[in-house]
Amino acid sequence: MPLLPIIHLERCTGCECCVLCCPTQALGMRDGKAFLAHPERCDYEARCEEVCPVGAIELPYRIVMGTPEEDSYQEN
């Protein structure tokens, strides 16, 4: 199952911030709303979630590297 962001269309204002910041160009615009135009390109970096001013994009999973026991893990 691929890790993909969830786009809440009812919140999306069509500002295009997410589309413009996506380094892999996975997002696009359709009918004034953001959508996953190329889901296979999404690298789950969370830039889209971070820049969305209305919280319309959600990454439901967090990718953690390292081990919490060693206190050396970093969240992406």
N, C-alpha and C. Protein backbone atom coordinates (compact mmCIF):
# COMPACT_ATOMS: atom_id res chain seq x y z
N MET A 1 0.84 -1.17 0.00
CA MET A 1 0.00 0.00 0.00
C MET A 1 0.89 1.25 0.00
N PRO A 2 0.77 2.08 -1.01
CA PRO A 2 1.63 3.28 -1.07
C PRO A 2 1.23 4.32 -0.03
N LEU A 3 2.21 5.05 0.45
CA LEU A 3 1.95 6.15 1.37
C LEU A 3 1.66 7.39 0.54
N LEU A 4 0.45 7.89 0.65
CA LEU A 4 0.06 9.06 -0.12
C LEU A 4 -0.65 10.07 0.77
N PRO A 5 -0.47 11.35 0.48
CA PRO A 5 -1.18 12.36 1.25
C PRO A 5 -2.68 12.32 0.97
N ILE A 6 -3.44 12.74 1.96
CA ILE A 6 -4.89 12.87 1.80
C ILE A 6 -5.17 14.35 1.55
N ILE A 7 -5.91 14.65 0.51
CA ILE A 7 -6.28 16.03 0.21
C ILE A 7 -7.75 16.20 0.54
N HIS A 8 -8.03 17.06 1.49
CA HIS A 8 -9.41 17.35 1.90
C HIS A 8 -9.95 18.46 1.00
N LEU A 9 -10.68 18.07 -0.03
CA LEU A 9 -11.15 19.03 -1.03
C LEU A 9 -12.05 20.10 -0.44
N GLU A 10 -12.78 19.77 0.61
CA GLU A 10 -13.68 20.76 1.21
C GLU A 10 -12.91 21.90 1.88
N ARG A 11 -11.65 21.66 2.21
CA ARG A 11 -10.81 22.71 2.82
C ARG A 11 -9.96 23.45 1.80
N CYS A 12 -9.66 22.81 0.69
CA CYS A 12 -8.74 23.38 -0.31
C CYS A 12 -9.32 24.67 -0.89
N THR A 13 -8.49 25.73 -0.88
CA THR A 13 -8.90 27.03 -1.43
C THR A 13 -8.33 27.26 -2.82
N GLY A 14 -7.52 26.35 -3.31
CA GLY A 14 -6.95 26.48 -4.64
C GLY A 14 -5.80 27.45 -4.74
N CYS A 15 -5.09 27.67 -3.65
CA CYS A 15 -3.98 28.64 -3.63
C CYS A 15 -2.75 28.16 -4.41
N GLU A 16 -2.65 26.87 -4.64
CA GLU A 16 -1.56 26.23 -5.39
C GLU A 16 -0.22 26.18 -4.65
N CYS A 17 -0.19 26.54 -3.38
CA CYS A 17 1.07 26.49 -2.63
C CYS A 17 1.66 25.08 -2.65
N CYS A 18 0.83 24.08 -2.46
CA CYS A 18 1.30 22.69 -2.43
C CYS A 18 1.85 22.26 -3.79
N VAL A 19 1.17 22.66 -4.84
CA VAL A 19 1.59 22.30 -6.19
C VAL A 19 2.95 22.93 -6.51
N LEU A 20 3.11 24.18 -6.14
CA LEU A 20 4.34 24.90 -6.44
C LEU A 20 5.54 24.42 -5.63
N CYS A 21 5.30 23.91 -4.43
CA CYS A 21 6.43 23.49 -3.58
C CYS A 21 6.79 22.02 -3.74
N CYS A 22 5.97 21.23 -4.42
CA CYS A 22 6.22 19.79 -4.53
C CYS A 22 7.45 19.53 -5.42
N PRO A 23 8.52 18.96 -4.85
CA PRO A 23 9.75 18.76 -5.62
C PRO A 23 9.62 17.69 -6.72
N THR A 24 8.63 16.82 -6.59
CA THR A 24 8.48 15.75 -7.57
C THR A 24 7.33 16.00 -8.55
N GLN A 25 6.66 17.13 -8.39
CA GLN A 25 5.53 17.50 -9.25
C GLN A 25 4.44 16.44 -9.26
N ALA A 26 4.19 15.89 -8.08
CA ALA A 26 3.15 14.87 -7.94
C ALA A 26 1.75 15.48 -7.89
N LEU A 27 1.67 16.74 -7.48
CA LEU A 27 0.38 17.40 -7.33
C LEU A 27 0.04 18.25 -8.55
N GLY A 28 -1.25 18.42 -8.76
CA GLY A 28 -1.73 19.27 -9.84
C GLY A 28 -3.00 19.96 -9.39
N MET A 29 -3.58 20.74 -10.27
CA MET A 29 -4.83 21.43 -9.99
C MET A 29 -5.90 20.95 -10.97
N ARG A 30 -7.10 20.75 -10.44
CA ARG A 30 -8.24 20.37 -11.28
C ARG A 30 -9.48 21.03 -10.68
N ASP A 31 -10.19 21.75 -11.49
CA ASP A 31 -11.40 22.45 -11.04
C ASP A 31 -11.13 23.33 -9.82
N GLY A 32 -9.95 23.96 -9.80
CA GLY A 32 -9.62 24.88 -8.72
C GLY A 32 -9.22 24.23 -7.42
N LYS A 33 -8.95 22.94 -7.43
CA LYS A 33 -8.57 22.20 -6.23
C LYS A 33 -7.31 21.38 -6.50
N ALA A 34 -6.51 21.19 -5.46
CA ALA A 34 -5.31 20.35 -5.57
C ALA A 34 -5.72 18.89 -5.67
N PHE A 35 -4.94 18.11 -6.41
CA PHE A 35 -5.16 16.67 -6.46
C PHE A 35 -3.83 15.98 -6.78
N LEU A 36 -3.79 14.68 -6.53
CA LEU A 36 -2.59 13.90 -6.83
C LEU A 36 -2.59 13.55 -8.31
N ALA A 37 -1.93 14.37 -9.09
CA ALA A 37 -1.88 14.15 -10.54
C ALA A 37 -1.00 12.96 -10.89
N HIS A 38 0.07 12.78 -10.11
CA HIS A 38 1.03 11.69 -10.36
C HIS A 38 1.39 11.04 -9.03
N PRO A 39 0.51 10.22 -8.48
CA PRO A 39 0.78 9.61 -7.16
C PRO A 39 2.06 8.79 -7.11
N GLU A 40 2.45 8.23 -8.23
CA GLU A 40 3.67 7.41 -8.26
C GLU A 40 4.93 8.25 -8.04
N ARG A 41 4.83 9.54 -8.22
CA ARG A 41 5.97 10.44 -8.01
C ARG A 41 6.12 10.91 -6.56
N CYS A 42 5.08 10.78 -5.78
CA CYS A 42 5.09 11.31 -4.41
C CYS A 42 6.16 10.61 -3.57
N ASP A 43 7.04 11.41 -2.97
CA ASP A 43 8.08 10.83 -2.11
C ASP A 43 7.79 11.07 -0.63
N TYR A 44 6.61 11.58 -0.34
CA TYR A 44 6.12 11.71 1.04
C TYR A 44 7.02 12.59 1.90
N GLU A 45 7.51 13.69 1.33
CA GLU A 45 8.39 14.60 2.06
C GLU A 45 7.65 15.52 3.02
N ALA A 46 6.37 15.69 2.86
CA ALA A 46 5.52 16.51 3.73
C ALA A 46 5.60 18.00 3.46
N ARG A 47 6.27 18.41 2.41
CA ARG A 47 6.30 19.85 2.10
C ARG A 47 4.90 20.38 1.83
N CYS A 48 4.11 19.61 1.11
CA CYS A 48 2.75 20.04 0.78
C CYS A 48 1.93 20.27 2.04
N GLU A 49 2.05 19.36 2.98
CA GLU A 49 1.31 19.48 4.25
C GLU A 49 1.77 20.71 5.01
N GLU A 50 3.07 20.96 5.02
CA GLU A 50 3.63 22.09 5.77
C GLU A 50 3.22 23.44 5.19
N VAL A 51 3.13 23.56 3.87
CA VAL A 51 2.84 24.87 3.28
C VAL A 51 1.36 25.18 3.12
N CYS A 52 0.51 24.20 3.26
CA CYS A 52 -0.92 24.44 3.07
C CYS A 52 -1.45 25.35 4.18
N PRO A 53 -1.93 26.54 3.83
CA PRO A 53 -2.37 27.49 4.84
C PRO A 53 -3.68 27.12 5.53
N VAL A 54 -4.43 26.18 4.96
CA VAL A 54 -5.72 25.82 5.54
C VAL A 54 -5.78 24.38 6.04
N GLY A 55 -4.67 23.68 6.02
CA GLY A 55 -4.63 22.30 6.51
C GLY A 55 -5.42 21.32 5.67
N ALA A 56 -5.43 21.55 4.36
CA ALA A 56 -6.19 20.69 3.46
C ALA A 56 -5.44 19.40 3.10
N ILE A 57 -4.15 19.35 3.40
CA ILE A 57 -3.35 18.17 3.07
C ILE A 57 -2.87 17.52 4.35
N GLU A 58 -3.08 16.22 4.41
CA GLU A 58 -2.72 15.46 5.60
C GLU A 58 -1.89 14.25 5.19
N LEU A 59 -0.79 14.07 5.87
CA LEU A 59 0.00 12.86 5.70
C LEU A 59 -0.29 11.99 6.91
N PRO A 60 -1.10 10.96 6.74
CA PRO A 60 -1.58 10.19 7.89
C PRO A 60 -0.54 9.30 8.55
N TYR A 61 0.61 9.14 7.93
CA TYR A 61 1.67 8.32 8.51
C TYR A 61 2.91 9.16 8.67
N ARG A 62 3.72 8.84 9.64
CA ARG A 62 5.02 9.48 9.83
C ARG A 62 6.09 8.44 9.58
N ILE A 63 7.11 8.82 8.86
CA ILE A 63 8.22 7.92 8.59
C ILE A 63 9.31 8.24 9.61
N VAL A 64 9.70 7.24 10.38
CA VAL A 64 10.70 7.43 11.43
C VAL A 64 11.92 6.61 11.08
N MET A 65 13.08 7.25 11.19
CA MET A 65 14.33 6.55 10.89
C MET A 65 15.17 6.49 12.16
N GLY A 66 15.83 5.38 12.39
CA GLY A 66 16.62 5.20 13.59
C GLY A 66 15.82 4.44 14.63
N THR A 67 16.28 4.51 15.86
CA THR A 67 15.59 3.81 16.93
C THR A 67 15.31 4.77 18.08
N PRO A 68 14.08 4.79 18.58
CA PRO A 68 13.74 5.68 19.69
C PRO A 68 14.55 5.38 20.95
N GLU A 69 14.93 4.12 21.15
CA GLU A 69 15.68 3.74 22.34
C GLU A 69 17.02 4.48 22.42
N GLU A 70 17.62 4.70 21.27
CA GLU A 70 18.92 5.38 21.22
C GLU A 70 18.76 6.89 21.17
N ASP A 71 17.52 7.35 21.12
CA ASP A 71 17.23 8.78 21.03
C ASP A 71 17.91 9.40 19.80
N SER A 72 18.02 8.59 18.75
CA SER A 72 18.69 9.08 17.55
C SER A 72 17.77 9.10 16.33
N TYR A 73 16.48 8.87 16.56
CA TYR A 73 15.58 8.83 15.42
C TYR A 73 15.21 10.24 14.99
N GLN A 74 14.86 10.37 13.71
CA GLN A 74 14.38 11.65 13.22
C GLN A 74 13.13 11.40 12.40
N GLU A 75 12.17 12.27 12.59
CA GLU A 75 10.87 12.13 11.95
C GLU A 75 10.86 12.91 10.66
N ASN A 76 10.25 12.31 9.62
CA ASN A 76 10.09 13.00 8.35
C ASN A 76 8.62 13.13 8.06
